[in-house]
Amino acid sequence: SIFGITDMGWYRQAPGNQRGLVATITSGG
């Protein structure tokens, strides 16, 4: 059900660390 997806992005998590934001991109670029 892909209709309505706005933002997409990448996160990363190393051992012992919280998951953190790497990069995001909107539907408009």
All heavy atoms as atom14 arrays in JSON, in Angstrom:
{
  "sequence": "SIFGITDMGWYRQAPGNQRGLVATITSGG",
  "atom14_mask": [
    [1, 1, 1, 1, 1, 1, 0, 0, 0, 0, 0, 0, 0, 0],
    [1, 1, 1, 1, 1, 1, 1, 1, 0, 0, 0, 0, 0, 0],
    [1, 1, 1, 1, 1, 1, 1, 1, 1, 1, 1, 0, 0, 0],
    [1, 1, 1, 1, 0, 0, 0, 0, 0, 0, 0, 0, 0, 0],
    [1, 1, 1, 1, 1, 1, 1, 1, 0, 0, 0, 0, 0, 0],
    [1, 1, 1, 1, 1, 1, 1, 0, 0, 0, 0, 0, 0, 0],
    [1, 1, 1, 1, 1, 1, 1, 1, 0, 0, 0, 0, 0, 0],
    [1, 1, 1, 1, 1, 1, 1, 1, 0, 0, 0, 0, 0, 0],
    [1, 1, 1, 1, 0, 0, 0, 0, 0, 0, 0, 0, 0, 0],
    [1, 1, 1, 1, 1, 1, 1, 1, 1, 1, 1, 1, 1, 1],
    [1, 1, 1, 1, 1, 1, 1, 1, 1, 1, 1, 1, 0, 0],
    [1, 1, 1, 1, 1, 1, 1, 1, 1, 1, 1, 0, 0, 0],
    [1, 1, 1, 1, 1, 1, 1, 1, 1, 0, 0, 0, 0, 0],
    [1, 1, 1, 1, 1, 0, 0, 0, 0, 0, 0, 0, 0, 0],
    [1, 1, 1, 1, 1, 1, 1, 0, 0, 0, 0, 0, 0, 0],
    [1, 1, 1, 1, 0, 0, 0, 0, 0, 0, 0, 0, 0, 0],
    [1, 1, 1, 1, 1, 1, 1, 1, 0, 0, 0, 0, 0, 0],
    [1, 1, 1, 1, 1, 1, 1, 1, 1, 0, 0, 0, 0, 0],
    [1, 1, 1, 1, 1, 1, 1, 1, 1, 1, 1, 0, 0, 0],
    [1, 1, 1, 1, 0, 0, 0, 0, 0, 0, 0, 0, 0, 0],
    [1, 1, 1, 1, 1, 1, 1, 1, 0, 0, 0, 0, 0, 0],
    [1, 1, 1, 1, 1, 1, 1, 0, 0, 0, 0, 0, 0, 0],
    [1, 1, 1, 1, 1, 0, 0, 0, 0, 0, 0, 0, 0, 0],
    [1, 1, 1, 1, 1, 1, 1, 0, 0, 0, 0, 0, 0, 0],
    [1, 1, 1, 1, 1, 1, 1, 1, 0, 0, 0, 0, 0, 0],
    [1, 1, 1, 1, 1, 1, 1, 0, 0, 0, 0, 0, 0, 0],
    [1, 1, 1, 1, 1, 1, 0, 0, 0, 0, 0, 0, 0, 0],
    [1, 1, 1, 1, 0, 0, 0, 0, 0, 0, 0, 0, 0, 0],
    [1, 1, 1, 1, 0, 0, 0, 0, 0, 0, 0, 0, 0, 0]
  ],
  "atom14_positions": [
    [[0.84, -1.2, 0.0], [0.0, 0.0, 0.0], [0.87, 1.24, 0.0], [0.98, 1.96, 1.0], [-0.94, -0.02, 1.2], [-1.78, -1.15, 1.2], [0.0, 0.0, 0.0], [0.0, 0.0, 0.0], [0.0, 0.0, 0.0], [0.0, 0.0, 0.0], [0.0, 0.0, 0.0], [0.0, 0.0, 0.0], [0.0, 0.0, 0.0], [0.0, 0.0, 0.0]],
    [[1.5, 1.52, -1.14], [2.51, 2.57, -1.22], [1.92, 3.96, -1.43], [2.64, 4.95, -1.27], [3.52, 2.29, -2.35], [2.8, 2.19, -3.7], [4.29, 1.0, -2.05], [3.74, 2.02, -4.87], [0.0, 0.0, 0.0], [0.0, 0.0, 0.0], [0.0, 0.0, 0.0], [0.0, 0.0, 0.0], [0.0, 0.0, 0.0], [0.0, 0.0, 0.0]],
    [[0.64, 4.05, -1.78], [0.03, 5.36, -1.98], [0.07, 6.16, -0.68], [-0.3, 5.66, 0.38], [-1.41, 5.23, -2.47], [-2.09, 6.55, -2.7], [-1.87, 7.25, -3.87], [-2.93, 7.08, -1.75], [-2.49, 8.48, -4.08], [-3.55, 8.3, -1.95], [-3.33, 9.0, -3.12], [0.0, 0.0, 0.0], [0.0, 0.0, 0.0], [0.0, 0.0, 0.0]],
    [[0.52, 7.4, -0.77], [0.57, 8.27, 0.39], [1.91, 8.35, 1.08], [2.05, 9.1, 2.04], [0.0, 0.0, 0.0], [0.0, 0.0, 0.0], [0.0, 0.0, 0.0], [0.0, 0.0, 0.0], [0.0, 0.0, 0.0], [0.0, 0.0, 0.0], [0.0, 0.0, 0.0], [0.0, 0.0, 0.0], [0.0, 0.0, 0.0], [0.0, 0.0, 0.0]],
    [[2.92, 7.62, 0.61], [4.26, 7.72, 1.18], [4.8, 9.12, 0.92], [4.79, 9.6, -0.21], [5.21, 6.66, 0.62], [4.82, 5.28, 1.11], [6.65, 6.97, 1.01], [5.69, 4.16, 0.56], [0.0, 0.0, 0.0], [0.0, 0.0, 0.0], [0.0, 0.0, 0.0], [0.0, 0.0, 0.0], [0.0, 0.0, 0.0], [0.0, 0.0, 0.0]],
    [[5.28, 9.77, 1.97], [5.84, 11.11, 1.85], [7.36, 11.07, 1.95], [8.06, 11.07, 0.94], [5.24, 12.04, 2.91], [5.4, 11.47, 4.21], [3.76, 12.25, 2.64], [0.0, 0.0, 0.0], [0.0, 0.0, 0.0], [0.0, 0.0, 0.0], [0.0, 0.0, 0.0], [0.0, 0.0, 0.0], [0.0, 0.0, 0.0], [0.0, 0.0, 0.0]],
    [[7.89, 11.0, 3.18], [9.33, 10.98, 3.38], [9.87, 9.55, 3.37], [9.2, 8.6, 3.77], [9.7, 11.63, 4.7], [9.31, 13.1, 4.75], [8.95, 13.67, 3.71], [9.36, 13.68, 5.86], [0.0, 0.0, 0.0], [0.0, 0.0, 0.0], [0.0, 0.0, 0.0], [0.0, 0.0, 0.0], [0.0, 0.0, 0.0], [0.0, 0.0, 0.0]],
    [[11.12, 9.41, 2.92], [11.86, 8.17, 3.04], [13.25, 8.52, 3.57], [13.71, 9.64, 3.42], [11.96, 7.42, 1.71], [10.62, 7.06, 1.11], [10.74, 6.01, -0.37], [11.14, 4.42, 0.39], [0.0, 0.0, 0.0], [0.0, 0.0, 0.0], [0.0, 0.0, 0.0], [0.0, 0.0, 0.0], [0.0, 0.0, 0.0], [0.0, 0.0, 0.0]],
    [[13.89, 7.54, 4.21], [15.19, 7.84, 4.77], [15.96, 6.61, 5.2], [15.5, 5.47, 5.06], [0.0, 0.0, 0.0], [0.0, 0.0, 0.0], [0.0, 0.0, 0.0], [0.0, 0.0, 0.0], [0.0, 0.0, 0.0], [0.0, 0.0, 0.0], [0.0, 0.0, 0.0], [0.0, 0.0, 0.0], [0.0, 0.0, 0.0], [0.0, 0.0, 0.0]],
    [[17.16, 6.87, 5.72], [18.05, 5.84, 6.22], [18.46, 6.16, 7.65], [18.79, 7.31, 7.97], [19.29, 5.72, 5.34], [19.0, 5.2, 3.96], [18.73, 5.92, 2.85], [18.96, 3.83, 3.58], [18.51, 5.09, 1.79], [18.64, 3.79, 2.2], [19.15, 2.62, 4.26], [18.52, 2.6, 1.49], [19.03, 1.43, 3.56], [18.72, 1.43, 2.19]],
    [[18.46, 5.14, 8.49], [18.93, 5.21, 9.87], [19.98, 4.13, 10.08], [20.07, 3.18, 9.3], [17.76, 5.01, 10.85], [16.76, 6.14, 10.87], [15.92, 6.38, 9.78], [16.65, 6.98, 11.97], [15.0, 7.41, 9.79], [15.73, 8.01, 12.0], [14.91, 8.22, 10.9], [14.0, 9.25, 10.93], [0.0, 0.0, 0.0], [0.0, 0.0, 0.0]],
    [[20.77, 4.27, 11.15], [21.76, 3.25, 11.46], [21.87, 3.06, 12.95], [21.58, 3.95, 13.74], [23.12, 3.59, 10.86], [23.79, 4.83, 11.45], [25.06, 5.16, 10.66], [25.76, 6.31, 11.2], [26.83, 6.87, 10.64], [27.32, 6.37, 9.5], [27.41, 7.92, 11.21], [0.0, 0.0, 0.0], [0.0, 0.0, 0.0], [0.0, 0.0, 0.0]],
    [[22.31, 1.85, 13.34], [22.45, 1.51, 14.74], [23.68, 0.63, 14.92], [23.76, -0.46, 14.35], [21.21, 0.79, 15.27], [21.23, 0.52, 16.75], [19.88, 0.05, 17.27], [19.06, -0.46, 16.5], [19.64, 0.23, 18.55], [0.0, 0.0, 0.0], [0.0, 0.0, 0.0], [0.0, 0.0, 0.0], [0.0, 0.0, 0.0], [0.0, 0.0, 0.0]],
    [[24.63, 1.1, 15.72], [25.82, 0.34, 16.09], [25.59, -0.32, 17.44], [24.77, 0.14, 18.23], [27.04, 1.25, 16.13], [0.0, 0.0, 0.0], [0.0, 0.0, 0.0], [0.0, 0.0, 0.0], [0.0, 0.0, 0.0], [0.0, 0.0, 0.0], [0.0, 0.0, 0.0], [0.0, 0.0, 0.0], [0.0, 0.0, 0.0], [0.0, 0.0, 0.0]],
    [[26.32, -1.41, 17.75], [26.14, -2.09, 19.03], [26.32, -1.14, 20.21], [27.3, -0.38, 20.27], [27.23, -3.17, 19.02], [27.44, -3.46, 17.57], [27.28, -2.13, 16.89], [0.0, 0.0, 0.0], [0.0, 0.0, 0.0], [0.0, 0.0, 0.0], [0.0, 0.0, 0.0], [0.0, 0.0, 0.0], [0.0, 0.0, 0.0], [0.0, 0.0, 0.0]],
    [[25.37, -1.15, 21.13], [25.42, -0.3, 22.3], [24.91, 1.11, 22.1], [24.86, 1.88, 23.06], [0.0, 0.0, 0.0], [0.0, 0.0, 0.0], [0.0, 0.0, 0.0], [0.0, 0.0, 0.0], [0.0, 0.0, 0.0], [0.0, 0.0, 0.0], [0.0, 0.0, 0.0], [0.0, 0.0, 0.0], [0.0, 0.0, 0.0], [0.0, 0.0, 0.0]],
    [[24.54, 1.47, 20.87], [24.06, 2.81, 20.56], [22.59, 2.8, 20.18], [22.03, 1.77, 19.8], [24.87, 3.43, 19.42], [26.31, 3.69, 19.79], [26.66, 3.75, 20.97], [27.15, 3.85, 18.78], [0.0, 0.0, 0.0], [0.0, 0.0, 0.0], [0.0, 0.0, 0.0], [0.0, 0.0, 0.0], [0.0, 0.0, 0.0], [0.0, 0.0, 0.0]],
    [[21.96, 3.97, 20.28], [20.6, 4.13, 19.81], [20.57, 4.25, 18.29], [21.56, 4.63, 17.67], [19.95, 5.36, 20.44], [19.72, 5.27, 21.94], [18.99, 6.48, 22.47], [19.19, 7.6, 22.0], [18.14, 6.26, 23.46], [0.0, 0.0, 0.0], [0.0, 0.0, 0.0], [0.0, 0.0, 0.0], [0.0, 0.0, 0.0], [0.0, 0.0, 0.0]],
    [[19.43, 3.93, 17.7], [19.26, 4.11, 16.27], [19.21, 5.6, 15.96], [18.45, 6.35, 16.58], [17.98, 3.42, 15.79], [17.8, 3.41, 14.28], [16.6, 2.58, 13.87], [16.72, 1.18, 14.29], [15.85, 0.24, 14.0], [14.78, 0.53, 13.28], [16.04, -1.0, 14.44], [0.0, 0.0, 0.0], [0.0, 0.0, 0.0], [0.0, 0.0, 0.0]],
    [[20.01, 6.04, 15.0], [20.11, 7.45, 14.67], [19.88, 7.73, 13.2], [20.09, 6.87, 12.35], [0.0, 0.0, 0.0], [0.0, 0.0, 0.0], [0.0, 0.0, 0.0], [0.0, 0.0, 0.0], [0.0, 0.0, 0.0], [0.0, 0.0, 0.0], [0.0, 0.0, 0.0], [0.0, 0.0, 0.0], [0.0, 0.0, 0.0], [0.0, 0.0, 0.0]],
    [[19.45, 8.94, 12.92], [19.17, 9.38, 11.55], [20.46, 9.55, 10.76], [21.43, 10.13, 11.25], [18.4, 10.7, 11.59], [18.15, 11.38, 10.24], [17.18, 10.55, 9.4], [17.61, 12.79, 10.45], [0.0, 0.0, 0.0], [0.0, 0.0, 0.0], [0.0, 0.0, 0.0], [0.0, 0.0, 0.0], [0.0, 0.0, 0.0], [0.0, 0.0, 0.0]],
    [[20.46, 9.07, 9.53], [21.56, 9.27, 8.59], [21.18, 10.31, 7.55], [21.88, 11.3, 7.35], [21.98, 7.96, 7.9], [23.06, 8.22, 6.86], [22.45, 6.95, 8.93], [0.0, 0.0, 0.0], [0.0, 0.0, 0.0], [0.0, 0.0, 0.0], [0.0, 0.0, 0.0], [0.0, 0.0, 0.0], [0.0, 0.0, 0.0], [0.0, 0.0, 0.0]],
    [[20.05, 10.1, 6.86], [19.61, 11.01, 5.82], [18.13, 10.78, 5.54], [17.63, 9.66, 5.71], [20.42, 10.83, 4.53], [0.0, 0.0, 0.0], [0.0, 0.0, 0.0], [0.0, 0.0, 0.0], [0.0, 0.0, 0.0], [0.0, 0.0, 0.0], [0.0, 0.0, 0.0], [0.0, 0.0, 0.0], [0.0, 0.0, 0.0], [0.0, 0.0, 0.0]],
    [[17.43, 11.83, 5.11], [16.04, 11.73, 4.7], [15.84, 12.48, 3.39], [16.62, 13.37, 3.04], [15.07, 12.3, 5.75], [15.36, 13.68, 5.98], [15.18, 11.54, 7.06], [0.0, 0.0, 0.0], [0.0, 0.0, 0.0], [0.0, 0.0, 0.0], [0.0, 0.0, 0.0], [0.0, 0.0, 0.0], [0.0, 0.0, 0.0], [0.0, 0.0, 0.0]],
    [[14.76, 12.14, 2.69], [14.41, 12.81, 1.45], [12.89, 12.83, 1.31], [12.22, 11.82, 1.55], [15.08, 12.13, 0.23], [14.79, 12.91, -1.05], [14.66, 10.67, 0.11], [15.66, 12.47, -2.23], [0.0, 0.0, 0.0], [0.0, 0.0, 0.0], [0.0, 0.0, 0.0], [0.0, 0.0, 0.0], [0.0, 0.0, 0.0], [0.0, 0.0, 0.0]],
    [[12.33, 13.99, 0.96], [10.9, 14.12, 0.79], [10.49, 13.66, -0.61], [11.33, 13.42, -1.48], [10.45, 15.57, 0.99], [10.95, 16.38, -0.08], [10.97, 16.12, 2.32], [0.0, 0.0, 0.0], [0.0, 0.0, 0.0], [0.0, 0.0, 0.0], [0.0, 0.0, 0.0], [0.0, 0.0, 0.0], [0.0, 0.0, 0.0], [0.0, 0.0, 0.0]],
    [[9.18, 13.56, -0.82], [8.68, 13.18, -2.14], [9.04, 14.21, -3.19], [9.11, 13.89, -4.38], [7.16, 12.97, -2.1], [6.5, 14.16, -1.69], [0.0, 0.0, 0.0], [0.0, 0.0, 0.0], [0.0, 0.0, 0.0], [0.0, 0.0, 0.0], [0.0, 0.0, 0.0], [0.0, 0.0, 0.0], [0.0, 0.0, 0.0], [0.0, 0.0, 0.0]],
    [[9.27, 15.47, -2.78], [9.67, 16.52, -3.69], [11.17, 16.62, -3.91], [11.62, 17.45, -4.71], [0.0, 0.0, 0.0], [0.0, 0.0, 0.0], [0.0, 0.0, 0.0], [0.0, 0.0, 0.0], [0.0, 0.0, 0.0], [0.0, 0.0, 0.0], [0.0, 0.0, 0.0], [0.0, 0.0, 0.0], [0.0, 0.0, 0.0], [0.0, 0.0, 0.0]],
    [[11.96, 15.79, -3.2], [13.39, 15.75, -3.42], [14.23, 16.56, -2.44], [15.45, 16.64, -2.61], [0.0, 0.0, 0.0], [0.0, 0.0, 0.0], [0.0, 0.0, 0.0], [0.0, 0.0, 0.0], [0.0, 0.0, 0.0], [0.0, 0.0, 0.0], [0.0, 0.0, 0.0], [0.0, 0.0, 0.0], [0.0, 0.0, 0.0], [0.0, 0.0, 0.0]]
  ]
}
